[in-house]
């Protein structure tokens, strides 16, 4: 059974994976595996393989990110994602909401 603290950590991280993905893509375009790796490196949690891909696809469907093909020297073409203007706005609103919520404690 998960403790209340474990549930809070899951809620802040895994349940809001979209926020971490948009934050990373606001810095530079990335491909999905790279996004997962950067989340683990920068935010110290590891989203599930499929979960990250599903969130990226939903963000794309809702026009928060868009896909572009990039050629990699000596390797296969990869699907890179970049944040859209709509995604930047959503990211800023999400960050503001978290800041406002956290000041209540």
N, C-alpha and C. Protein backbone atom coordinates (compact mmCIF):
# COMPACT_ATOMS: atom_id res chain seq x y z
N UNK A 1 0.84 -1.19 0.00
CA UNK A 1 0.00 0.00 0.00
C UNK A 1 0.87 1.24 0.00
N UNK A 2 0.53 2.17 -0.87
CA UNK A 2 1.30 3.40 -0.96
C UNK A 2 0.95 4.35 0.19
N UNK A 3 1.95 5.04 0.67
CA UNK A 3 1.73 6.01 1.73
C UNK A 3 1.18 7.31 1.12
N UNK A 4 0.63 8.19 1.93
CA UNK A 4 0.16 9.47 1.40
C UNK A 4 1.29 10.24 0.70
N UNK A 5 2.50 10.18 1.22
CA UNK A 5 3.62 10.88 0.59
C UNK A 5 3.94 10.28 -0.79
N UNK A 6 3.90 8.96 -0.90
CA UNK A 6 4.13 8.33 -2.20
C UNK A 6 3.06 8.74 -3.21
N UNK A 7 1.81 8.81 -2.77
CA UNK A 7 0.72 9.24 -3.66
C UNK A 7 0.93 10.68 -4.10
N UNK A 8 1.38 11.53 -3.18
CA UNK A 8 1.65 12.93 -3.53
C UNK A 8 2.76 13.02 -4.56
N UNK A 9 3.85 12.27 -4.36
CA UNK A 9 4.96 12.28 -5.32
C UNK A 9 4.50 11.81 -6.70
N UNK A 10 3.68 10.77 -6.75
CA UNK A 10 3.16 10.30 -8.04
C UNK A 10 2.29 11.37 -8.69
N UNK A 11 1.48 12.03 -7.89
CA UNK A 11 0.60 13.06 -8.42
C UNK A 11 1.39 14.24 -8.99
N UNK A 12 2.44 14.62 -8.30
CA UNK A 12 3.26 15.75 -8.74
C UNK A 12 4.09 15.39 -9.97
N UNK A 13 4.46 14.14 -10.11
CA UNK A 13 5.35 13.75 -11.20
C UNK A 13 4.58 13.04 -12.32
N UNK A 14 4.26 11.80 -12.13
CA UNK A 14 3.68 10.97 -13.19
C UNK A 14 2.34 11.48 -13.69
N UNK A 15 1.50 11.95 -12.80
CA UNK A 15 0.18 12.42 -13.20
C UNK A 15 0.24 13.74 -13.96
N UNK A 16 1.35 14.42 -13.88
CA UNK A 16 1.52 15.70 -14.57
C UNK A 16 2.71 15.66 -15.52
N UNK A 17 2.90 14.53 -16.15
CA UNK A 17 4.03 14.32 -17.05
C UNK A 17 4.05 15.34 -18.18
N UNK A 18 2.87 15.77 -18.62
CA UNK A 18 2.78 16.75 -19.70
C UNK A 18 3.57 18.01 -19.39
N UNK A 19 3.55 18.43 -18.13
CA UNK A 19 4.24 19.65 -17.72
C UNK A 19 5.76 19.51 -17.86
N UNK A 20 6.29 18.37 -17.49
CA UNK A 20 7.73 18.11 -17.61
C UNK A 20 8.15 18.03 -19.08
N UNK A 21 7.31 17.40 -19.89
CA UNK A 21 7.61 17.28 -21.31
C UNK A 21 7.62 18.65 -21.98
N UNK A 22 6.62 19.47 -21.69
CA UNK A 22 6.59 20.80 -22.28
C UNK A 22 7.77 21.65 -21.80
N UNK A 23 8.14 21.51 -20.53
CA UNK A 23 9.28 22.27 -20.00
C UNK A 23 10.56 21.92 -20.76
N UNK A 24 10.77 20.63 -21.00
CA UNK A 24 11.97 20.21 -21.73
C UNK A 24 11.93 20.70 -23.18
N UNK A 25 10.78 20.58 -23.82
CA UNK A 25 10.68 20.99 -25.22
C UNK A 25 10.73 22.51 -25.38
N UNK A 26 10.50 23.25 -24.31
CA UNK A 26 10.64 24.70 -24.40
C UNK A 26 12.11 25.10 -24.50
N UNK A 27 13.01 24.18 -24.15
CA UNK A 27 14.45 24.43 -24.24
C UNK A 27 15.02 24.03 -25.59
N UNK A 28 14.53 22.90 -26.14
CA UNK A 28 15.01 22.43 -27.45
C UNK A 28 14.14 21.28 -27.93
N UNK A 29 14.19 21.01 -29.23
CA UNK A 29 13.47 19.89 -29.82
C UNK A 29 14.13 18.58 -29.36
N UNK A 30 13.31 17.56 -29.14
CA UNK A 30 13.83 16.27 -28.69
C UNK A 30 12.99 15.14 -29.28
N UNK A 31 13.58 13.95 -29.31
CA UNK A 31 12.84 12.77 -29.70
C UNK A 31 12.40 12.05 -28.42
N UNK A 32 11.36 11.18 -28.49
CA UNK A 32 10.76 10.62 -27.27
C UNK A 32 11.72 9.94 -26.30
N UNK A 33 12.62 9.11 -26.79
CA UNK A 33 13.54 8.44 -25.87
C UNK A 33 14.39 9.48 -25.14
N UNK A 34 14.81 10.50 -25.84
CA UNK A 34 15.62 11.56 -25.24
C UNK A 34 14.82 12.31 -24.17
N UNK A 35 13.54 12.52 -24.42
CA UNK A 35 12.67 13.19 -23.44
C UNK A 35 12.63 12.38 -22.15
N UNK A 36 12.42 11.08 -22.28
CA UNK A 36 12.39 10.21 -21.10
C UNK A 36 13.70 10.29 -20.32
N UNK A 37 14.80 10.25 -21.04
CA UNK A 37 16.12 10.29 -20.41
C UNK A 37 16.33 11.63 -19.68
N UNK A 38 15.92 12.71 -20.30
CA UNK A 38 16.08 14.03 -19.70
C UNK A 38 15.17 14.23 -18.49
N UNK A 39 13.98 13.63 -18.51
CA UNK A 39 13.11 13.70 -17.34
C UNK A 39 13.80 13.03 -16.15
N UNK A 40 14.34 11.86 -16.39
CA UNK A 40 15.03 11.15 -15.31
C UNK A 40 16.23 11.95 -14.81
N UNK A 41 16.98 12.53 -15.72
CA UNK A 41 18.19 13.29 -15.36
C UNK A 41 17.85 14.60 -14.63
N UNK A 42 16.88 15.35 -15.16
CA UNK A 42 16.58 16.67 -14.63
C UNK A 42 15.57 16.70 -13.49
N UNK A 43 14.63 15.76 -13.51
CA UNK A 43 13.55 15.81 -12.53
C UNK A 43 13.54 14.62 -11.57
N UNK A 44 14.47 13.70 -11.76
CA UNK A 44 14.73 12.59 -10.84
C UNK A 44 13.56 11.64 -10.64
N UNK A 45 12.83 11.37 -11.72
CA UNK A 45 11.88 10.26 -11.71
C UNK A 45 11.84 9.68 -13.11
N UNK A 46 11.42 8.44 -13.21
CA UNK A 46 11.47 7.75 -14.48
C UNK A 46 10.05 7.37 -14.92
N UNK A 47 9.54 8.05 -15.94
CA UNK A 47 8.21 7.67 -16.43
C UNK A 47 8.29 6.35 -17.19
N UNK A 48 7.19 5.64 -17.22
CA UNK A 48 7.14 4.39 -17.96
C UNK A 48 7.36 4.61 -19.44
N UNK A 49 7.89 3.60 -20.11
CA UNK A 49 8.16 3.70 -21.56
C UNK A 49 6.93 4.12 -22.34
N UNK A 50 5.87 3.39 -22.17
CA UNK A 50 4.66 3.65 -22.94
C UNK A 50 3.99 4.95 -22.49
N UNK A 51 4.01 5.22 -21.21
CA UNK A 51 3.35 6.41 -20.67
C UNK A 51 3.87 7.68 -21.31
N UNK A 52 5.17 7.82 -21.40
CA UNK A 52 5.75 9.03 -21.99
C UNK A 52 5.31 9.19 -23.45
N UNK A 53 5.32 8.09 -24.19
CA UNK A 53 4.91 8.15 -25.60
C UNK A 53 3.44 8.53 -25.73
N UNK A 54 2.60 7.99 -24.85
CA UNK A 54 1.17 8.31 -24.89
C UNK A 54 0.92 9.78 -24.60
N UNK A 55 1.63 10.33 -23.63
CA UNK A 55 1.47 11.74 -23.29
C UNK A 55 1.94 12.62 -24.45
N UNK A 56 3.06 12.27 -25.07
CA UNK A 56 3.56 13.04 -26.22
C UNK A 56 2.53 13.02 -27.35
N UNK A 57 1.96 11.86 -27.64
CA UNK A 57 0.97 11.74 -28.72
C UNK A 57 -0.27 12.59 -28.40
N UNK A 58 -0.70 12.59 -27.14
CA UNK A 58 -1.86 13.40 -26.75
C UNK A 58 -1.53 14.89 -26.88
N UNK A 59 -0.33 15.28 -26.47
CA UNK A 59 0.08 16.68 -26.63
C UNK A 59 0.10 17.07 -28.10
N UNK A 60 0.54 16.15 -28.94
CA UNK A 60 0.56 16.42 -30.38
C UNK A 60 -0.87 16.54 -30.93
N UNK A 61 -1.71 15.62 -30.54
CA UNK A 61 -3.10 15.63 -31.01
C UNK A 61 -3.80 16.95 -30.64
N UNK A 62 -3.47 17.47 -29.46
CA UNK A 62 -4.11 18.70 -28.97
C UNK A 62 -3.34 19.97 -29.36
N UNK A 63 -2.33 19.81 -30.23
CA UNK A 63 -1.56 20.92 -30.78
C UNK A 63 -0.69 21.68 -29.78
N UNK A 64 -0.23 20.99 -28.74
CA UNK A 64 0.71 21.58 -27.80
C UNK A 64 2.15 21.34 -28.25
N UNK A 65 2.35 20.28 -29.02
CA UNK A 65 3.64 19.99 -29.63
C UNK A 65 3.40 19.59 -31.07
N UNK A 66 4.45 19.67 -31.87
CA UNK A 66 4.36 19.20 -33.25
C UNK A 66 5.59 18.38 -33.58
N UNK A 67 5.43 17.52 -34.54
CA UNK A 67 6.48 16.59 -34.92
C UNK A 67 7.24 17.10 -36.14
N UNK A 68 8.52 16.81 -36.15
CA UNK A 68 9.33 17.10 -37.33
C UNK A 68 10.38 16.01 -37.45
N UNK A 69 10.64 15.59 -38.67
CA UNK A 69 11.66 14.56 -38.91
C UNK A 69 13.02 15.23 -38.98
N UNK A 70 13.99 14.63 -38.36
CA UNK A 70 15.36 15.13 -38.44
C UNK A 70 16.28 13.97 -38.77
N UNK A 71 17.21 14.24 -39.61
CA UNK A 71 18.19 13.23 -39.98
C UNK A 71 19.32 13.23 -38.95
N UNK A 72 19.71 12.06 -38.55
CA UNK A 72 20.81 11.91 -37.60
C UNK A 72 21.98 11.32 -38.36
N UNK A 73 23.14 11.95 -38.25
CA UNK A 73 24.33 11.44 -38.94
C UNK A 73 24.64 10.02 -38.49
N UNK A 74 24.75 9.13 -39.46
CA UNK A 74 25.11 7.76 -39.16
C UNK A 74 24.02 6.95 -38.49
N UNK A 75 22.81 7.50 -38.43
CA UNK A 75 21.73 6.76 -37.77
C UNK A 75 20.41 6.96 -38.49
N UNK A 76 19.38 6.40 -37.93
CA UNK A 76 18.06 6.50 -38.57
C UNK A 76 17.45 7.88 -38.38
N UNK A 77 16.48 8.20 -39.23
CA UNK A 77 15.72 9.42 -39.04
C UNK A 77 14.91 9.27 -37.77
N UNK A 78 14.84 10.30 -36.99
CA UNK A 78 14.09 10.25 -35.73
C UNK A 78 12.97 11.27 -35.78
N UNK A 79 11.90 10.97 -35.08
CA UNK A 79 10.79 11.90 -34.96
C UNK A 79 11.07 12.81 -33.77
N UNK A 80 11.39 14.04 -34.06
CA UNK A 80 11.61 15.03 -33.02
C UNK A 80 10.31 15.78 -32.78
N UNK A 81 10.16 16.27 -31.57
CA UNK A 81 9.00 17.06 -31.22
C UNK A 81 9.45 18.43 -30.77
N UNK A 82 8.62 19.42 -31.11
CA UNK A 82 8.90 20.77 -30.64
C UNK A 82 7.63 21.37 -30.09
N UNK A 83 7.78 22.27 -29.17
CA UNK A 83 6.64 22.89 -28.52
C UNK A 83 6.04 23.96 -29.45
N UNK A 84 4.74 24.09 -29.41
CA UNK A 84 4.05 25.11 -30.21
C UNK A 84 3.78 26.33 -29.32
N UNK A 85 3.28 27.37 -29.93
CA UNK A 85 2.89 28.57 -29.16
C UNK A 85 1.82 28.21 -28.13
N UNK A 86 0.87 27.38 -28.55
CA UNK A 86 -0.18 26.92 -27.63
C UNK A 86 0.45 26.15 -26.47
N UNK A 87 1.46 25.34 -26.75
CA UNK A 87 2.15 24.59 -25.71
C UNK A 87 2.90 25.49 -24.74
N UNK A 88 3.53 26.53 -25.28
CA UNK A 88 4.24 27.49 -24.42
C UNK A 88 3.26 28.19 -23.47
N UNK A 89 2.10 28.56 -24.00
CA UNK A 89 1.08 29.21 -23.16
C UNK A 89 0.60 28.27 -22.06
N UNK A 90 0.36 27.01 -22.43
CA UNK A 90 -0.11 26.03 -21.44
C UNK A 90 0.96 25.78 -20.37
N UNK A 91 2.21 25.72 -20.79
CA UNK A 91 3.32 25.54 -19.85
C UNK A 91 3.36 26.69 -18.85
N UNK A 92 3.27 27.90 -19.33
CA UNK A 92 3.32 29.07 -18.44
C UNK A 92 2.14 29.06 -17.47
N UNK A 93 0.96 28.72 -17.96
CA UNK A 93 -0.21 28.64 -17.07
C UNK A 93 -0.03 27.55 -16.02
N UNK A 94 0.52 26.41 -16.44
CA UNK A 94 0.78 25.32 -15.49
C UNK A 94 1.77 25.72 -14.42
N UNK A 95 2.85 26.38 -14.82
CA UNK A 95 3.86 26.83 -13.86
C UNK A 95 3.27 27.84 -12.88
N UNK A 96 2.45 28.74 -13.38
CA UNK A 96 1.80 29.74 -12.53
C UNK A 96 0.87 29.06 -11.53
N UNK A 97 0.10 28.09 -12.00
CA UNK A 97 -0.82 27.37 -11.13
C UNK A 97 -0.07 26.66 -10.01
N UNK A 98 1.04 26.02 -10.34
CA UNK A 98 1.83 25.32 -9.31
C UNK A 98 2.39 26.31 -8.31
N UNK A 99 2.91 27.43 -8.78
CA UNK A 99 3.44 28.45 -7.86
C UNK A 99 2.35 28.97 -6.94
N UNK A 100 1.18 29.27 -7.49
CA UNK A 100 0.07 29.78 -6.67
C UNK A 100 -0.38 28.75 -5.65
N UNK A 101 -0.45 27.50 -6.07
CA UNK A 101 -0.88 26.43 -5.18
C UNK A 101 0.13 26.22 -4.06
N UNK A 102 1.42 26.25 -4.40
CA UNK A 102 2.44 25.95 -3.39
C UNK A 102 2.56 27.04 -2.33
N UNK A 103 2.17 28.26 -2.64
CA UNK A 103 2.26 29.34 -1.65
C UNK A 103 1.17 29.23 -0.59
N UNK A 104 0.20 28.37 -0.80
CA UNK A 104 -0.89 28.20 0.16
C UNK A 104 -0.49 27.36 1.37
N UNK A 105 0.70 26.74 1.29
CA UNK A 105 1.16 25.92 2.41
C UNK A 105 2.11 26.70 3.22
